[in-house]
Structures are given as C-alpha cells and as structure tokens.
Amino acid sequence: MKKWIMMLCFALVASLLAPQSQVDASGNFEDIGTNHRAYAEINYLVNLGYVNGVSSTHFVPSQQVTRAQAAAMLGRSLKLDGTQRATKFKDVSSGNFASGYITEMVERGIISGYPDNTFRPYKVLTRGEMAILINRAFKFGGTSVSSAATILMNKGIAQGFPDGTFGAGATIIRADFAVFLARSLNADFRVSTGDVAFNTTMYVNTPSDVLNMRSAASGTATVLTKLAHASTVAVASSENGWSHVRANGYTGYVATNYLASTKPSSVIPVDKSNLTVVIDPGHGGTDPGANGFGFLEKNVVLNIGKHMKTYYDKIPVNVKMTRTTDVKIELYDRAKYASRYGGDIFVSLHNNAFNTAANGQETFYYAKTAATNPHVAQSRALAIYLQARMQEAWDLADRGVNPFGYGNFAVLRDNTVPASLVEMGFIDNANDIKYIRDEAQRQKMAKYLVMATLDYFYHYEGRKDVLPYYTTLGGAPSRKLH
C-alpha cells in the first residue's frame, strides 16, 4: 500500500511539469473557472507550453510549488534545454523530470544548490525565494529578497499582503507562481502602478521587409501584426532582449535588436559596395568538429555565420558563405573560395575543445612564408581586430593572436586573401558553454565579428566609406590596434 502511494505521488509531481501533448490548452480546467483570479495568466502560460495541468481537466492551483517545479517552469519560459541529464547534485538523478532545467539554471546563476551537494528538488518554494529567482531569470536587478520583492511590486508583477508586508516567508502555490511568471513575460498582465508610458520613439530596422510583433516576449508567441522596415514604434520598456511596444493599433513585443533610435532608410540596402567578406563556418556534414554539453561545433558556427550574414545584409558589404547548410566542404575548396568569388577577406569560424580543462578565445593567421598566402601583415591585422571584438562580445579568457606556430591551417595557408581563423571558446568547458549555447550571445558574437571586419577595413585599409555602417549596426569603430 505504501509503495503504491509513493508511486502515485511521484506520478503527480512529474505530471505537473512534464510536457503533455493532450493537455487542454484552452484553459478549460475544472478547477480553474473563468472567474478564477489566475484564469487568464494560467491559460496564457499553458498555451505557450510553459506550464501544464496535472491532467487535461485539473490544474491544481492551490498546490505548493517545489524548487524543481520552479526550475522547470522558469526554464521553459527562458527557452533553456530541458533534456534530462546527470547533474552535480546527489539528490537529482538524470531521471528527474527537471534535471535538465536544474542544470541549465544553475549554470546561468539563476538558482543554486546547498553546501552539502544537494539541490533539494522537492523543497517547497517561498515567496521570497520566488522573487529572487524571477529577478535573476529576467534580469530585473534584485539581489536580495527585499530588493527583489520591491522591484516586482514596483513593476506590478507582485503584490504584498493586506498587512503591508510582502510575505517573503510564506510558501507559494501554483496559481500565484503562474501569475508572477505571466506578468514577468507579458506586461499586459501586470497590476497598474500608473499607466504604462510608451514615450520612447524608435524605428524598425530589419534586413527583411517586416518585423513580427508578438503577444509575448517569446519567439513562439502569437504574431499580432507585422511592422514594416523603417516604421515608427512607441516603446515602453526593453528587457531580456524584448521591447514592449505599441504600433499599428496593437500593443505587443518585438526583438530589441531590430529597433533603432534613428530612422533608417526606408529602402532596405540592395546596392552593395565593392567589398566582399567570405565567412567560413567550419566543419559540417560528416565532420561535426568539437562537441560538448550536447552541442556540436558545426551547428554553432553555422548559426553564428548566418547571424553575421544577417548583419552584413543591413549594410552595403557583400557576403559569401562557404556553406549555408549542414554539408562537408573540403579544406582546399574552402581556401579557394575567396579567389573564386572575389572575396577581400576570409574569416573562418570555429570552437575549441580540450578535455574540459582549457578555456578562452584565440585567433590564428598564417605567417610562415609569403610563398603560399602572401598577405601576412593584412592577415595579422585582421586577426588582431577579430580577437579584440570577440573579447568585447564575450567575457572569456584571452588566449591571444597566434601566427604560424599554431595557425598552420589549410584554410589560412592556402588562401589567396587576408585570412584569419577564430576559436570563439571551448565548447566542452563549463564556463565557455554558457555563452556558446545561448542564442542571444551567439547573435551578439556575430555582430561584433562583423564590426571587427569593419575595423580592419577602416583602420588598416583606410576605407573611410565604411564609417556610416557602424551607425547602422549600432556600434562605433574600435581604436587603432595594429
């Protein structure tokens, strides 16, 4: 009998947050009627797939939230990798439904374990702990229970108790956690602390002809309307890569990266300059490259290369990629790509790996002899600017710029133009992977690598015509480094 009860309890806990294909996402839970105080928020989160009911008919709003459940709900809302895996905690096995999210949340510094090497996944969460977690997850800024609670109340995310206190020591139930999470994701759910002021004017600046405005700060949320390039939007706030905006008679969210403070040309640039950059995402196809924490080098570098192309498409610089899909390109063909397509410079993208022990970023160029690639000085200058911008993008160890001694790579040695190879971090290192696995960080790296090539053209080649391109990308030239 006791064994049966334990099995039932385990099944209940696992079902609270495990993905369920048949859970009713319309909000028609028998214990959550349309008059329930959290009806709208729960319905919103269920439709996004961030929380689930215990079954298709019951949500169990009064059940207390455990640390594991909180990690899973927040992890889903942050689009983290929830794949179940081994953890460093002795009380969280790979079979735990939240093991993947717990690992990801710990790595990002959002949640932590205890000194005795436990996580205590079934410990009930308090309101104060909830406030800290939400502040860390959405980067609101609170670092103590008091400051975190104040920020949530000031933002209209949380409310205090009737006695005037926040109730930091009180346990939190599923309905309340859903309310706080929904309000963190979508300002439309927040309690009014004064009218939301959309008093900052910005402009859509996208390489395509439209930008999606979504119902929530999520790439999977419903598209409310499409905003044209160079159109005006009114911005209330920007948090966690998303801006709360009003335009076209709608209020919603857009990716902050595609907003500019100055109005761009109403015509998306099509006339390119005489500059051509060749991007070489390393490996591909049957050659996966390095791997770590479930990530393959070939996929990471292709993702960053495509983001680089997106930024180049905003400015009058031609871009060619040695590969745009998961295919293997022979090293010789990569090296000859620039001469074949009229490239001015060649940038090869890679990640490193070394038994989890090494970390940091480095850039290579070929400098043994001018008999193969004669552009030694140019390649060195390009490498210097690439390394500097990589360091600016990601706060990783600086392994420096390395010439032939470590840079005897075919794509550099056999090239016909200034060529450099960047190792953006160690994919098997616990610190470096925090940046490598993060989509926003990969997009940031792409932008900074593009600006590094502009730095090379501006400072080394003396191309003053690239100066306006920095403004389009929201940046500025580096200081002269070579």
Protein backbone atom coordinates (compact mmCIF):
# COMPACT_ATOMS: atom_id res chain seq x y z
CA MET A 1 0.00 0.00 0.00
CA LYS A 2 2.78 2.45 0.96
CA LYS A 3 4.64 1.62 -2.25
CA TRP A 4 1.50 2.34 -4.30
CA ILE A 5 1.02 5.71 -2.57
CA MET A 6 4.64 6.66 -3.21
CA MET A 7 4.26 5.76 -6.89
CA LEU A 8 1.11 7.84 -7.14
CA CYS A 9 2.80 10.85 -5.53
CA PHE A 10 5.77 10.59 -7.88
CA ALA A 11 3.48 10.43 -10.90
CA LEU A 12 1.59 13.50 -9.69
CA VAL A 13 4.78 15.55 -9.24
CA ALA A 14 6.19 14.50 -12.63
CA SER A 15 2.94 15.28 -14.42
CA LEU A 16 2.81 18.82 -13.12
CA LEU A 17 5.55 19.98 -15.43
CA ALA A 18 6.30 17.20 -17.88
CA PRO A 19 5.26 18.01 -21.49
CA GLN A 20 1.85 16.61 -22.28
CA SER A 21 0.56 16.53 -25.84
CA GLN A 22 -3.10 16.18 -24.90
CA VAL A 23 -3.39 18.76 -22.10
CA ASP A 24 -6.22 21.15 -22.90
CA ALA A 25 -4.56 24.47 -23.67
CA SER A 26 -7.84 26.35 -23.81
CA GLY A 27 -7.93 26.86 -20.07
CA ASN A 28 -10.96 24.60 -19.52
CA PHE A 29 -9.68 23.06 -16.32
CA GLU A 30 -12.46 22.01 -13.96
CA ASP A 31 -10.68 23.67 -11.04
CA ILE A 32 -9.90 26.90 -12.96
CA GLY A 33 -13.15 28.55 -14.00
CA THR A 34 -13.34 31.76 -15.98
CA ASN A 35 -13.86 33.67 -12.74
CA HIS A 36 -10.71 32.31 -11.12
CA ARG A 37 -8.31 35.13 -10.26
CA ALA A 38 -5.48 33.47 -12.23
CA TYR A 39 -7.57 32.20 -15.16
CA ALA A 40 -6.05 34.48 -17.81
CA GLU A 41 -2.46 34.01 -16.68
CA ILE A 42 -2.71 30.22 -16.42
CA ASN A 43 -4.40 30.00 -19.81
CA TYR A 44 -1.66 32.19 -21.31
CA LEU A 45 1.19 30.06 -19.91
CA VAL A 46 -0.47 26.75 -20.83
CA ASN A 47 -0.90 27.90 -24.42
CA LEU A 48 2.79 28.83 -24.58
CA GLY A 49 3.71 25.41 -23.21
CA TYR A 50 5.45 26.79 -20.12
CA VAL A 51 3.16 25.05 -17.59
CA ASN A 52 0.79 22.11 -17.75
CA GLY A 53 -2.14 20.78 -15.80
CA VAL A 54 -1.92 17.65 -13.69
CA SER A 55 -4.31 16.25 -16.28
CA SER A 56 -6.39 17.61 -19.14
CA THR A 57 -9.09 18.56 -16.61
CA HIS A 58 -7.24 19.70 -13.47
CA PHE A 59 -4.58 22.33 -12.88
CA VAL A 60 -4.44 22.06 -9.05
CA PRO A 61 -3.92 25.80 -8.45
CA SER A 62 -3.53 25.51 -4.67
CA GLN A 63 -0.69 23.00 -4.72
CA GLN A 64 2.61 24.33 -3.36
CA VAL A 65 5.48 24.80 -5.82
CA THR A 66 8.75 22.93 -5.28
CA ARG A 67 12.23 24.07 -6.29
CA ALA A 68 12.31 21.53 -9.13
CA GLN A 69 8.95 22.66 -10.47
CA ALA A 70 10.02 26.31 -10.35
CA ALA A 71 13.23 25.47 -12.23
CA ALA A 72 11.24 23.69 -14.94
CA MET A 73 8.64 26.44 -15.38
CA LEU A 74 11.25 29.20 -15.50
CA GLY A 75 13.49 27.09 -17.69
CA ARG A 76 10.77 26.60 -20.27
CA SER A 77 9.93 30.30 -20.30
CA LEU A 78 13.62 31.09 -20.91
CA LYS A 79 13.82 28.52 -23.73
CA LEU A 80 16.52 26.53 -21.93
CA ASP A 81 17.48 22.97 -22.84
CA GLY A 82 15.41 20.73 -20.59
CA THR A 83 16.84 17.44 -21.82
CA GLN A 84 17.12 15.15 -18.80
CA ARG A 85 20.75 14.55 -17.86
CA ALA A 86 23.12 13.80 -15.00
CA THR A 87 23.60 16.65 -12.54
CA LYS A 88 26.22 17.52 -9.94
CA PHE A 89 23.68 17.10 -7.14
CA LYS A 90 23.46 13.79 -5.29
CA ASP A 91 19.68 14.10 -4.90
CA VAL A 92 18.90 14.94 -8.57
CA SER A 93 19.40 11.97 -10.88
CA SER A 94 19.29 12.04 -14.66
CA GLY A 95 15.80 10.57 -14.39
CA ASN A 96 14.43 13.58 -12.52
CA PHE A 97 11.88 15.36 -14.72
CA ALA A 98 13.58 18.73 -14.09
CA SER A 99 17.23 17.61 -14.19
CA GLY A 100 17.95 19.40 -17.47
CA TYR A 101 16.38 22.66 -16.39
CA ILE A 102 18.08 22.48 -12.99
CA THR A 103 21.47 22.07 -14.68
CA GLU A 104 20.83 24.98 -17.04
CA MET A 105 19.53 27.26 -14.31
CA VAL A 106 22.50 26.52 -12.06
CA GLU A 107 24.97 27.15 -14.89
CA ARG A 108 23.38 30.55 -15.52
CA GLY A 109 23.48 31.52 -11.86
CA ILE A 110 19.70 31.71 -11.54
CA ILE A 111 19.37 29.02 -8.89
CA SER A 112 21.87 27.17 -6.73
CA GLY A 113 22.21 24.11 -4.56
CA TYR A 114 23.24 23.67 -0.94
CA PRO A 115 26.70 23.24 0.66
CA ASP A 116 26.09 19.53 1.24
CA ASN A 117 25.95 18.94 -2.54
CA THR A 118 22.17 18.63 -2.58
CA PHE A 119 19.59 20.58 -4.55
CA ARG A 120 16.54 19.56 -2.50
CA PRO A 121 14.24 19.44 -5.53
CA TYR A 122 11.10 18.74 -3.51
CA LYS A 123 11.62 21.54 -1.01
CA VAL A 124 8.68 23.95 -1.18
CA LEU A 125 9.49 27.41 -2.54
CA THR A 126 8.78 30.59 -0.56
CA ARG A 127 7.59 33.90 -1.97
CA GLY A 128 10.95 35.45 -1.13
CA GLU A 129 12.82 32.72 -3.00
CA MET A 130 10.42 33.14 -5.90
CA ALA A 131 11.19 36.87 -6.03
CA ILE A 132 14.93 36.21 -6.18
CA LEU A 133 14.54 33.58 -8.93
CA ILE A 134 12.36 35.77 -11.13
CA ASN A 135 14.72 38.73 -10.71
CA ARG A 136 17.67 36.60 -11.77
CA ALA A 137 15.83 34.86 -14.60
CA PHE A 138 14.55 38.05 -16.21
CA LYS A 139 17.48 40.25 -15.14
CA PHE A 140 15.33 42.71 -13.23
CA GLY A 141 18.23 43.52 -10.90
CA GLY A 142 17.17 42.48 -7.40
CA THR A 143 19.94 40.72 -5.47
CA SER A 144 18.31 40.32 -2.05
CA VAL A 145 14.84 39.23 -1.02
CA SER A 146 13.98 42.79 -0.04
CA SER A 147 15.23 44.43 -3.24
CA ALA A 148 13.82 41.66 -5.46
CA ALA A 149 10.38 41.95 -3.84
CA THR A 150 10.43 45.75 -4.16
CA ILE A 151 11.28 45.53 -7.86
CA LEU A 152 8.48 43.03 -8.53
CA MET A 153 5.96 45.21 -6.71
CA ASN A 154 7.15 48.38 -8.46
CA LYS A 155 6.79 46.66 -11.82
CA GLY A 156 3.28 45.47 -10.99
CA ILE A 157 4.36 41.81 -11.09
CA ALA A 158 3.71 41.03 -7.43
CA GLN A 159 1.55 42.48 -4.67
CA GLY A 160 2.04 42.45 -0.92
CA PHE A 161 -0.20 41.03 1.78
CA PRO A 162 -3.02 43.06 3.38
CA ASP A 163 -0.81 43.74 6.40
CA GLY A 164 1.60 45.68 4.17
CA THR A 165 4.32 43.01 4.05
CA PHE A 166 5.49 41.02 1.03
CA GLY A 167 5.13 37.74 2.90
CA ALA A 168 8.60 36.56 1.90
CA GLY A 169 8.48 33.52 4.19
CA ALA A 170 5.09 32.26 3.01
CA THR A 171 5.07 29.32 0.62
CA ILE A 172 3.91 29.91 -2.95
CA ILE A 173 1.23 27.95 -4.77
CA ARG A 174 0.91 27.11 -8.46
CA ALA A 175 -1.72 29.75 -9.18
CA ASP A 176 0.39 32.55 -7.70
CA PHE A 177 3.57 31.36 -9.39
CA ALA A 178 1.71 31.32 -12.72
CA VAL A 179 0.53 34.89 -12.12
CA PHE A 180 4.04 36.14 -11.33
CA LEU A 181 5.55 34.31 -14.30
CA ALA A 182 2.91 35.57 -16.75
CA ARG A 183 3.33 39.15 -15.52
CA SER A 184 7.12 38.86 -15.90
CA LEU A 185 6.73 37.72 -19.50
CA ASN A 186 3.89 39.99 -20.54
CA ALA A 187 3.41 43.48 -19.13
CA ASP A 188 -0.26 43.45 -20.12
CA PHE A 189 -0.94 41.21 -17.12
CA ARG A 190 0.77 43.48 -14.62
CA VAL A 191 -1.07 45.36 -11.91
CA SER A 192 -1.28 49.03 -12.71
CA THR A 193 1.26 51.14 -10.86
CA GLY A 194 0.33 54.06 -13.05
CA ASP A 195 -0.38 54.00 -16.78
CA VAL A 196 2.30 52.33 -18.92
CA ALA A 197 4.03 55.11 -20.81
CA PHE A 198 5.01 54.33 -24.39
CA ASN A 199 7.03 57.52 -24.60
CA THR A 200 10.21 56.44 -26.42
CA THR A 201 10.15 56.62 -30.21
CA MET A 202 12.17 54.04 -32.12
CA TYR A 203 12.24 52.64 -35.64
CA VAL A 204 12.10 49.18 -37.15
CA ASN A 205 15.46 48.28 -38.67
CA THR A 206 15.30 44.80 -40.13
CA PRO A 207 17.10 43.18 -43.07
CA SER A 208 13.78 41.74 -44.22
CA ASP A 209 10.78 43.85 -45.13
CA VAL A 210 8.82 43.12 -41.93
CA LEU A 211 9.27 42.56 -38.20
CA ASN A 212 6.84 40.38 -36.23
CA MET A 213 5.11 41.94 -33.21
CA ARG A 214 4.21 39.12 -30.82
CA SER A 215 1.74 38.77 -27.98
CA ALA A 216 4.52 37.92 -25.51
CA ALA A 217 8.27 38.24 -25.14
CA SER A 218 8.83 34.90 -26.85
CA GLY A 219 9.73 33.81 -30.37
CA THR A 220 6.90 31.26 -30.24
CA ALA A 221 4.18 33.69 -29.14
CA THR A 222 1.32 34.65 -31.46
CA VAL A 223 2.14 37.20 -34.17
CA LEU A 224 -0.19 40.18 -33.69
CA THR A 225 0.92 42.26 -36.66
CA LYS A 226 3.87 42.78 -38.99
CA LEU A 227 5.82 46.03 -38.85
CA ALA A 228 7.42 47.42 -41.98
CA HIS A 229 11.11 48.33 -42.18
CA ALA A 230 11.69 51.96 -41.08
CA SER A 231 8.23 52.21 -39.47
CA THR A 232 7.80 54.01 -36.13
CA VAL A 233 7.06 52.25 -32.84
CA ALA A 234 6.40 53.63 -29.35
CA VAL A 235 8.45 51.80 -26.72
CA ALA A 236 7.53 51.46 -23.05
CA SER A 237 10.40 49.26 -21.86
CA SER A 238 13.08 46.83 -23.01
CA GLU A 239 14.04 43.75 -21.02
CA ASN A 240 15.77 40.46 -21.72
CA GLY A 241 16.13 41.09 -25.47
CA TRP A 242 12.49 42.15 -26.00
CA SER A 243 10.80 45.55 -26.14
CA HIS A 244 7.22 46.30 -25.08
CA VAL A 245 5.88 48.42 -27.95
CA ARG A 246 2.80 49.98 -29.45
CA ALA A 247 2.26 50.30 -33.21
CA ASN A 248 -0.36 49.65 -35.90
CA GLY A 249 -3.06 49.83 -33.21
CA TYR A 250 -1.53 46.88 -31.35
CA THR A 251 0.45 46.52 -28.13
CA GLY A 252 2.96 43.70 -28.02
CA TYR A 253 6.61 42.70 -28.11
CA VAL A 254 9.40 42.85 -30.69
CA ALA A 255 13.06 41.79 -30.60
CA THR A 256 15.06 44.77 -29.35
CA ASN A 257 17.91 44.03 -31.78
CA TYR A 258 15.69 45.13 -34.66
CA LEU A 259 14.93 48.58 -33.27
CA ALA A 260 17.00 51.69 -33.94
CA SER A 261 16.96 55.10 -32.26
CA THR A 262 17.40 56.88 -35.61
CA LYS A 263 15.21 56.27 -38.61
CA PRO A 264 16.91 54.04 -41.18
CA SER A 265 16.48 54.40 -44.89
CA SER A 266 13.00 53.38 -45.95
CA VAL A 267 14.62 51.27 -48.64
CA ILE A 268 16.44 48.16 -47.49
CA PRO A 269 20.00 48.37 -48.85
CA VAL A 270 20.46 46.48 -52.10
CA ASP A 271 23.32 48.37 -53.75
CA LYS A 272 26.47 46.91 -52.32
CA SER A 273 29.96 48.35 -52.11
CA ASN A 274 32.98 46.76 -53.76
CA LEU A 275 33.84 44.98 -50.50
CA THR A 276 33.21 41.25 -50.13
CA VAL A 277 33.67 39.23 -46.93
CA VAL A 278 33.87 35.43 -47.04
CA ILE A 279 32.51 33.67 -43.94
CA ASP A 280 33.64 30.09 -43.43
CA PRO A 281 31.60 28.15 -40.84
CA GLY A 282 33.99 25.29 -40.06
CA HIS A 283 33.29 21.56 -40.33
CA GLY A 284 29.82 20.35 -41.42
CA GLY A 285 28.09 17.19 -42.60
CA THR A 286 30.03 14.08 -41.59
CA ASP A 287 32.63 16.29 -39.88
CA PRO A 288 30.95 17.51 -36.67
CA GLY A 289 34.03 19.20 -35.21
CA ALA A 290 34.30 19.56 -31.44
CA ASN A 291 31.44 18.75 -29.09
CA GLY A 292 30.42 19.43 -25.53
CA PHE A 293 27.31 19.58 -23.34
CA GLY A 294 25.19 18.24 -26.21
CA PHE A 295 26.33 20.91 -28.69
CA LEU A 296 28.24 20.30 -31.95
CA GLU A 297 30.75 22.80 -33.28
CA LYS A 298 29.45 22.52 -36.85
CA ASN A 299 25.98 23.68 -35.76
CA VAL A 300 27.16 26.50 -33.51
CA VAL A 301 29.45 28.08 -36.09
CA LEU A 302 26.85 27.81 -38.85
CA ASN A 303 24.36 29.57 -36.59
CA ILE A 304 26.81 32.40 -35.91
CA GLY A 305 27.76 32.62 -39.58
CA LYS A 306 24.11 33.05 -40.57
CA HIS A 307 23.69 35.77 -37.95
CA MET A 308 26.75 37.50 -39.43
CA LYS A 309 25.14 37.42 -42.86
CA THR A 310 22.02 39.00 -41.39
CA TYR A 311 24.10 41.93 -40.14
CA TYR A 312 26.01 42.26 -43.41
CA ASP A 313 22.69 42.36 -45.24
CA LYS A 314 21.92 45.60 -43.38
CA ILE A 315 24.97 47.37 -44.81
CA PRO A 316 26.48 47.73 -48.30
CA VAL A 317 29.05 44.94 -47.87
CA ASN A 318 28.78 41.77 -49.93
CA VAL A 319 28.96 38.49 -48.03
CA LYS A 320 29.66 34.97 -49.23
CA MET A 321 29.45 31.83 -47.10
CA THR A 322 31.38 28.66 -47.81
CA ARG A 323 28.38 26.74 -46.54
CA THR A 324 24.83 27.66 -45.52
CA THR A 325 23.65 24.13 -44.73
CA ASP A 326 24.98 21.09 -42.86
CA VAL A 327 27.37 19.85 -45.55
CA LYS A 328 31.06 18.99 -45.53
CA ILE A 329 33.30 21.26 -47.63
CA GLU A 330 36.85 20.13 -48.31
CA LEU A 331 39.57 22.36 -46.85
CA TYR A 332 41.09 23.08 -50.26
CA ASP A 333 37.73 24.25 -51.60
CA ARG A 334 37.24 26.49 -48.59
CA ALA A 335 40.67 28.07 -49.09
CA LYS A 336 39.99 28.79 -52.75
CA TYR A 337 36.50 30.14 -52.13
CA ALA A 338 37.66 33.76 -51.74
CA SER A 339 39.51 33.88 -55.08
CA ARG A 340 36.64 32.09 -56.78
CA TYR A 341 34.05 34.63 -55.58
CA GLY A 342 36.11 37.81 -55.37
CA GLY A 343 36.47 37.97 -51.59
CA ASP A 344 38.52 40.70 -49.94
CA ILE A 345 38.98 38.93 -46.61
CA PHE A 346 38.29 35.43 -45.27
CA VAL A 347 37.05 34.65 -41.72
CA SER A 348 36.85 31.02 -40.58
CA LEU A 349 34.58 30.29 -37.57
CA HIS A 350 35.40 27.58 -35.01
CA ASN A 351 35.03 26.40 -31.42
CA ASN A 352 37.75 24.66 -29.45
CA ALA A 353 37.76 21.63 -27.12
CA PHE A 354 40.36 20.11 -24.80
CA ASN A 355 39.13 17.62 -22.20
CA THR A 356 37.09 20.34 -20.43
CA ALA A 357 40.32 21.78 -18.96
CA ALA A 358 41.06 24.69 -21.32
CA ASN A 359 39.02 27.80 -21.90
CA GLY A 360 39.07 31.13 -23.70
CA GLN A 361 39.26 32.66 -27.17
CA GLU A 362 42.09 32.87 -29.72
CA THR A 363 42.59 33.92 -33.32
CA PHE A 364 45.05 32.50 -35.86
CA TYR A 365 46.75 33.71 -39.03
CA TYR A 366 49.37 32.08 -41.27
CA ALA A 367 52.77 33.75 -41.15
CA LYS A 368 55.42 31.17 -42.06
CA THR A 369 56.12 32.30 -45.58
CA ALA A 370 54.82 34.60 -48.26
CA ALA A 371 55.15 31.82 -50.81
CA THR A 372 51.66 30.49 -50.11
CA ASN A 373 49.41 33.24 -48.77
CA PRO A 374 51.37 36.48 -49.25
CA HIS A 375 49.03 38.58 -47.10
CA VAL A 376 50.82 38.09 -43.79
CA ALA A 377 50.61 41.66 -42.47
CA GLN A 378 46.99 42.01 -43.52
CA SER A 379 46.04 38.64 -42.01
CA ARG A 380 47.71 39.61 -38.74
CA ALA A 381 45.84 42.91 -38.60
CA LEU A 382 42.54 41.18 -39.35
CA ALA A 383 43.26 38.64 -36.60
CA ILE A 384 44.01 41.41 -34.09
CA TYR A 385 40.69 43.15 -34.71
CA LEU A 386 38.74 39.89 -34.65
CA GLN A 387 40.31 38.86 -31.34
CA ALA A 388 39.61 42.26 -29.77
CA ARG A 389 35.95 42.22 -30.77
CA MET A 390 35.50 38.61 -29.62
CA GLN A 391 36.79 39.65 -26.23
CA GLU A 392 34.37 42.56 -26.24
CA ALA A 393 31.43 40.32 -27.11
CA TRP A 394 32.04 37.50 -24.61
CA ASP A 395 33.83 37.85 -21.28
CA LEU A 396 36.15 34.85 -21.75
CA ALA A 397 39.87 34.27 -21.21
CA ASP A 398 42.14 35.95 -23.79
CA ARG A 399 44.40 33.36 -25.42
CA GLY A 400 45.71 35.93 -27.85
CA VAL A 401 46.53 36.20 -31.55
CA ASN A 402 48.71 33.35 -32.80
CA PRO A 403 50.79 33.22 -36.03
CA PHE A 404 52.12 30.20 -37.91
CA GLY A 405 53.32 28.27 -34.88
CA TYR A 406 49.73 27.36 -34.08
CA GLY A 407 47.98 28.61 -37.19
CA ASN A 408 49.14 26.17 -39.86
CA PHE A 409 45.61 25.55 -41.10
CA ALA A 410 44.88 24.81 -44.75
CA VAL A 411 42.14 27.42 -44.95
CA LEU A 412 44.72 30.05 -43.93
CA ARG A 413 47.89 28.65 -45.53
CA ASP A 414 46.36 28.03 -48.96
CA ASN A 415 44.21 31.15 -49.09
CA THR A 416 44.71 33.99 -51.54
CA VAL A 417 43.37 36.89 -49.44
CA PRO A 418 43.88 38.17 -45.87
CA ALA A 419 42.58 35.28 -43.79
CA SER A 420 42.06 34.58 -40.09
CA LEU A 421 40.54 31.76 -38.06
CA VAL A 422 38.68 32.47 -34.81
CA GLU A 423 38.22 29.99 -31.97
CA MET A 424 35.31 31.57 -30.13
CA GLY A 425 35.55 29.47 -26.98
CA PHE A 426 35.90 25.90 -25.73
CA ILE A 427 32.66 24.04 -26.35
CA ASP A 428 33.49 21.45 -23.68
CA ASN A 429 34.30 23.99 -20.96
CA ALA A 430 31.64 24.67 -18.30
CA ASN A 431 32.25 28.43 -18.38
CA ASP A 432 32.59 28.98 -22.14
CA ILE A 433 29.50 26.91 -22.96
CA LYS A 434 27.33 29.44 -21.09
CA TYR A 435 27.96 31.81 -23.99
CA ILE A 436 28.20 29.26 -26.80
CA ARG A 437 24.83 27.66 -26.05
CA ASP A 438 22.95 30.99 -25.67
CA GLU A 439 21.23 32.19 -28.85
CA ALA A 440 21.33 35.85 -27.80
CA GLN A 441 25.06 35.56 -27.08
CA ARG A 442 25.69 33.91 -30.46
CA GLN A 443 23.86 36.75 -32.16
CA LYS A 444 25.94 39.24 -30.19
CA MET A 445 29.15 37.47 -31.23
CA ALA A 446 28.07 37.65 -34.88
CA LYS A 447 27.51 41.39 -34.65
CA TYR A 448 30.89 42.00 -33.03
CA LEU A 449 32.73 39.87 -35.59
CA VAL A 450 31.10 41.91 -38.37
CA MET A 451 32.26 45.11 -36.67
CA ALA A 452 35.75 43.60 -36.41
CA THR A 453 35.89 43.28 -40.19
CA LEU A 454 34.77 46.91 -40.47
CA ASP A 455 37.57 47.82 -38.03
CA TYR A 456 40.05 46.11 -40.35
CA PHE A 457 38.77 47.91 -43.44
CA TYR A 458 38.60 51.25 -41.61
CA HIS A 459 41.91 51.20 -39.76
CA TYR A 460 44.15 49.01 -41.93
CA GLU A 461 42.79 49.53 -45.44
CA GLY A 462 41.85 53.16 -44.80
CA ARG A 463 38.29 52.66 -46.05
CA LYS A 464 36.54 55.70 -44.57
CA ASP A 465 33.41 54.82 -46.56
CA VAL A 466 32.59 52.07 -44.03
CA LEU A 467 32.22 54.58 -41.19
CA PRO A 468 28.42 55.01 -41.62
CA TYR A 469 27.98 51.23 -41.45
CA TYR A 470 28.83 51.24 -37.74
CA THR A 471 25.86 53.51 -37.07
CA THR A 472 23.54 51.15 -38.92
CA LEU A 473 24.74 48.31 -36.71
CA GLY A 474 24.51 50.40 -33.52
CA GLY A 475 28.26 50.44 -32.98
CA ALA A 476 31.39 52.54 -33.39
CA PRO A 477 34.93 51.95 -34.66
CA SER A 478 37.44 50.42 -32.31
CA ARG A 479 40.67 52.20 -31.55
CA LYS A 480 43.55 51.51 -33.93
CA LEU A 481 45.23 48.26 -32.79
CA HIS A 482 47.61 47.01 -35.46
